[in-house]
Protein backbone atom coordinates (compact mmCIF):
# COMPACT_ATOMS: atom_id res chain seq x y z
CA MET A 1 0.20 -0.05 -0.14
CA LEU A 2 1.69 3.20 -0.92
CA ALA A 3 0.08 6.64 0.72
CA LEU A 4 -0.67 9.11 -2.00
CA PHE A 5 -0.52 12.77 -2.41
CA PRO A 6 -2.53 13.20 -5.94
CA LEU A 7 -1.63 16.56 -7.92
CA GLN A 8 -2.48 18.27 -11.35
CA LEU A 9 1.04 18.49 -12.08
CA VAL A 10 3.44 15.52 -13.58
CA VAL A 11 6.54 14.50 -11.37
CA TYR A 12 9.37 12.53 -13.30
CA PRO A 13 11.64 10.14 -11.54
CA GLY A 14 14.85 11.80 -10.99
CA GLU A 15 13.12 15.31 -10.53
CA ARG A 16 13.68 17.66 -7.15
CA LEU A 17 10.10 18.64 -6.01
CA PRO A 18 9.50 21.53 -3.83
CA LEU A 19 6.23 21.16 -1.77
CA HIS A 20 4.74 23.86 0.25
CA ILE A 21 2.92 21.62 2.90
CA PHE A 22 -0.37 23.03 4.51
CA GLU A 23 -2.73 20.65 4.72
CA GLN A 24 -3.21 18.35 7.81
CA ARG A 25 -3.53 15.38 6.26
CA TYR A 26 -0.20 16.14 4.11
CA GLN A 27 1.24 17.37 7.62
CA GLN A 28 0.75 13.92 8.98
CA LEU A 29 2.24 12.08 5.77
CA ILE A 30 5.33 14.14 6.27
CA ALA A 31 5.78 13.25 9.68
CA ASP A 32 5.20 9.67 8.44
CA CYS A 33 7.92 9.84 5.85
CA GLU A 34 10.41 11.41 8.50
CA GLU A 35 9.50 9.03 11.56
CA GLU A 36 8.94 5.76 9.18
CA GLY A 37 10.92 6.24 6.25
CA ILE A 38 8.02 5.55 4.25
CA ALA A 39 7.80 6.85 0.41
CA PHE A 40 4.62 8.27 -0.79
CA GLY A 41 3.04 8.71 -4.57
CA VAL A 42 2.12 11.40 -6.59
CA PRO A 43 -0.09 10.54 -8.93
CA THR A 44 -1.14 13.11 -11.71
CA PHE A 45 -4.74 14.26 -11.64
CA ILE A 46 -5.55 14.76 -15.33
CA ASP A 47 -9.33 14.82 -16.97
CA LYS A 48 -11.15 13.94 -13.77
CA LYS A 49 -8.95 10.56 -13.38
CA LEU A 50 -5.96 9.23 -11.29
CA GLU A 51 -4.14 6.48 -13.01
CA TYR A 52 -0.29 6.94 -13.35
CA GLY A 53 2.08 8.81 -11.28
CA THR A 54 5.77 8.98 -9.54
CA GLU A 55 6.90 7.37 -6.27
CA VAL A 56 9.18 9.98 -4.13
CA THR A 57 10.76 10.20 -1.06
CA LEU A 58 11.08 13.01 1.55
CA GLN A 59 14.75 14.37 1.31
CA LYS A 60 14.50 16.79 3.47
CA VAL A 61 12.51 19.58 5.27
CA GLU A 62 13.23 23.32 4.26
CA LYS A 63 11.35 24.82 6.49
CA ARG A 64 8.37 24.53 9.33
CA TYR A 65 6.01 26.93 10.30
CA PRO A 66 4.54 27.39 13.56
CA ASN A 67 1.13 26.42 12.41
CA GLY A 68 2.65 23.28 11.58
CA ALA A 69 3.32 23.89 7.57
CA SER A 70 6.60 22.99 5.80
CA ASP A 71 8.39 23.48 3.14
CA VAL A 72 10.11 20.17 2.12
CA VAL A 73 11.84 18.52 -1.14
CA CYS A 74 10.99 15.20 -2.38
CA ILE A 75 12.98 13.31 -5.07
CA GLY A 76 11.21 11.20 -7.57
CA THR A 77 11.97 7.77 -7.80
CA ARG A 78 10.05 5.17 -9.77
CA VAL A 79 6.80 5.37 -12.02
CA PHE A 80 3.68 3.60 -11.08
CA ARG A 81 0.12 2.60 -11.85
CA ILE A 82 -2.78 3.02 -9.61
CA LYS A 83 -4.56 -0.16 -9.46
CA SER A 84 -7.18 0.70 -6.41
CA PHE A 85 -7.52 3.95 -4.64
CA TYR A 86 -8.77 4.71 -0.84
CA PRO A 87 -9.23 8.48 -0.37
CA GLN A 88 -8.52 7.30 3.66
CA LEU A 89 -5.84 5.00 4.65
CA PRO A 90 -6.89 3.38 7.86
CA ASP A 91 -5.72 5.61 11.22
CA LYS A 92 -4.81 7.94 8.96
CA LEU A 93 -5.82 11.42 7.07
CA TYR A 94 -4.38 11.23 3.79
CA ALA A 95 -5.01 8.62 0.65
CA GLY A 96 -3.42 5.64 -0.76
CA GLY A 97 -3.63 2.78 -2.68
CA GLU A 98 -2.53 -0.36 -4.34
CA VAL A 99 0.24 0.38 -7.48
CA GLU A 100 1.83 -1.82 -9.94
CA TYR A 101 5.68 -0.45 -10.75
CA LEU A 102 6.03 0.00 -14.15
CA GLU A 103 9.28 -1.35 -15.64
CA ASP A 104 11.63 0.53 -17.76
CA ASN A 105 13.71 0.73 -20.78
CA GLU A 106 16.15 3.27 -19.67
CA ASN A 107 18.47 2.62 -22.86
CA GLY A 108 18.72 5.88 -25.30
CA ILE A 109 20.57 6.72 -28.14
CA GLU A 110 23.53 9.29 -28.16
CA GLU A 111 22.24 10.58 -31.76
CA LEU A 112 18.94 11.05 -30.27
CA GLN A 113 20.11 12.61 -27.33
CA GLU A 114 22.27 14.82 -29.72
CA GLU A 115 19.41 15.76 -31.65
CA LEU A 116 17.06 16.48 -28.66
CA LEU A 117 19.65 18.74 -27.55
CA LYS A 118 20.26 20.51 -30.64
CA ASN A 119 16.24 21.43 -30.93
CA ILE A 120 15.97 22.59 -27.88
CA ALA A 121 19.21 24.88 -28.62
CA ILE A 122 17.04 26.81 -31.56
CA LEU A 123 14.14 26.83 -29.25
CA TYR A 124 15.89 28.66 -26.92
CA ILE A 125 17.21 31.08 -29.39
CA GLU A 126 13.69 31.64 -30.64
CA LEU A 127 12.25 32.13 -27.49
CA THR A 128 15.25 34.79 -26.92
CA ILE A 129 15.77 33.12 -23.79
CA GLU A 130 19.56 34.42 -22.62
CA LYS A 131 20.46 31.54 -20.39
CA PRO A 132 19.32 28.42 -21.20
CA PRO A 133 20.17 25.07 -19.63
CA ILE A 134 23.06 23.16 -20.03
CA PHE A 135 22.74 19.24 -20.34
CA ASP A 136 25.64 17.18 -20.97
CA ILE A 137 25.53 13.72 -23.19
CA PRO A 138 24.55 11.29 -21.87
CA PHE A 139 21.22 12.46 -20.02
CA VAL A 140 17.80 11.40 -20.02
CA SER A 141 14.35 12.63 -21.55
CA TYR A 142 12.92 13.31 -18.04
CA GLN A 143 15.60 15.95 -17.53
CA VAL A 144 14.65 18.11 -19.85
CA ALA A 145 11.11 17.50 -20.30
CA HIS A 146 9.58 20.25 -18.07
CA LYS A 147 12.41 22.65 -20.33
CA VAL A 148 10.75 22.09 -23.57
CA GLY A 149 7.02 23.88 -23.51
CA LEU A 150 4.81 20.65 -22.81
CA ALA A 151 1.25 21.39 -21.83
CA LEU A 152 0.63 19.07 -18.87
CA HIS A 153 -1.23 16.42 -21.32
CA GLN A 154 1.70 15.75 -23.07
CA GLU A 155 3.96 15.71 -19.51
CA TYR A 156 1.73 13.19 -18.91
CA HIS A 157 1.72 11.06 -21.81
CA LEU A 158 5.84 11.10 -21.76
CA LEU A 159 5.21 9.74 -18.32
CA LYS A 160 3.32 6.79 -19.73
CA LEU A 161 6.28 5.91 -22.15
CA ARG A 162 8.10 2.82 -21.50
CA SER A 163 11.01 3.46 -23.66
CA GLU A 164 13.18 5.76 -23.52
CA ILE A 165 13.87 5.99 -27.15
CA GLU A 166 9.98 6.62 -27.05
CA ARG A 167 10.26 9.74 -24.71
CA LEU A 168 13.47 11.07 -26.74
CA ASN A 169 11.68 10.79 -29.80
CA TYR A 170 8.04 12.17 -28.32
CA LEU A 171 10.44 15.33 -27.42
CA ILE A 172 12.00 15.44 -30.98
CA GLY A 173 8.82 15.40 -32.55
CA HIS A 174 7.64 18.04 -30.29
CA LEU A 175 10.22 20.34 -31.04
CA LYS A 176 10.00 19.81 -34.49
CA VAL A 177 6.22 21.23 -34.25
CA THR A 178 7.09 24.12 -31.85
CA ILE A 179 10.09 25.51 -33.40
CA PRO A 180 7.67 26.73 -36.86
CA VAL A 181 4.98 28.37 -34.59
CA VAL A 182 7.66 29.91 -32.44
CA ARG A 183 9.07 31.60 -35.57
CA GLU A 184 5.83 32.20 -37.29
CA MET A 185 4.48 33.80 -33.71
CA ASN A 186 8.35 35.85 -33.79
CA ARG A 187 7.43 36.95 -37.61
CA ALA A 188 4.08 38.02 -36.64
CA LYS A 189 5.34 40.24 -33.92
CA GLU A 190 7.49 41.99 -36.65
CA VAL A 191 4.75 42.84 -39.17
CA ILE A 192 2.89 44.41 -36.15
CA LYS A 193 5.47 46.32 -35.00
CA MET A 194 6.42 47.68 -38.39
CA ASN A 195 2.53 48.84 -39.04
CA GLY A 196 2.56 51.84 -39.58
CA HIS A 197 6.38 52.71 -39.92
CA PHE A 198 8.23 53.76 -43.52
CA ARG A 199 9.49 50.26 -45.12
CA ASN A 200 12.07 50.31 -47.98
CA PHE A 201 11.14 47.86 -50.44
CA ASP A 202 13.44 46.36 -52.95
CA PRO A 203 11.99 47.44 -56.95
CA LEU A 204 10.46 44.75 -58.89
CA ASP A 205 12.02 44.65 -62.14
CA PHE A 206 9.22 42.68 -63.91
CA ASP A 207 11.70 40.93 -66.45
CA ASP A 208 10.11 37.62 -65.76
CA PHE A 209 6.56 39.09 -65.00
CA LYS A 210 4.11 37.63 -67.26
CA LEU A 211 -0.32 38.19 -67.46
């Protein structure tokens, strides 16, 4: 049985997750993590459903507040699928459930990693981001998943993919669609800025012009 902390976000294995804990039920959960060393799951609440999520472990409590709230840092470990869900575990305030941990093919291809990083660099240039994050090869797709502008449902889809090659290809495909859209938006902004200004056009010579 795994304690569960449903959220409207996607957590990936290896990801650092800072949380502000203020509800009494989750104050109890964090206390149990500290005292008993338990892990808990963060299933993604999406489309009014709970199905997939990531197990996390408490790394440290950054700050404690007089009212019992706290700021904590957790680390994602492994992906699971919920088999049964209980809104409240026996003698606890928080939810839990039976889960199935999913096997994963973690082998990636360096050429795909290079292509993904190249496309991320292009995206950040188009977005004029001055200090883009730097990634060294080899890396895993989860490290960059939150850095490429995925919507929540896309992040969730990536979480459900059980092959690193699938995940790399999915992110590359996303960027190949996104980059032209960003370029077109930049072009539209330039056109809007030029509206009403004097512009210098090259004269047409009509050599190849026909009716």
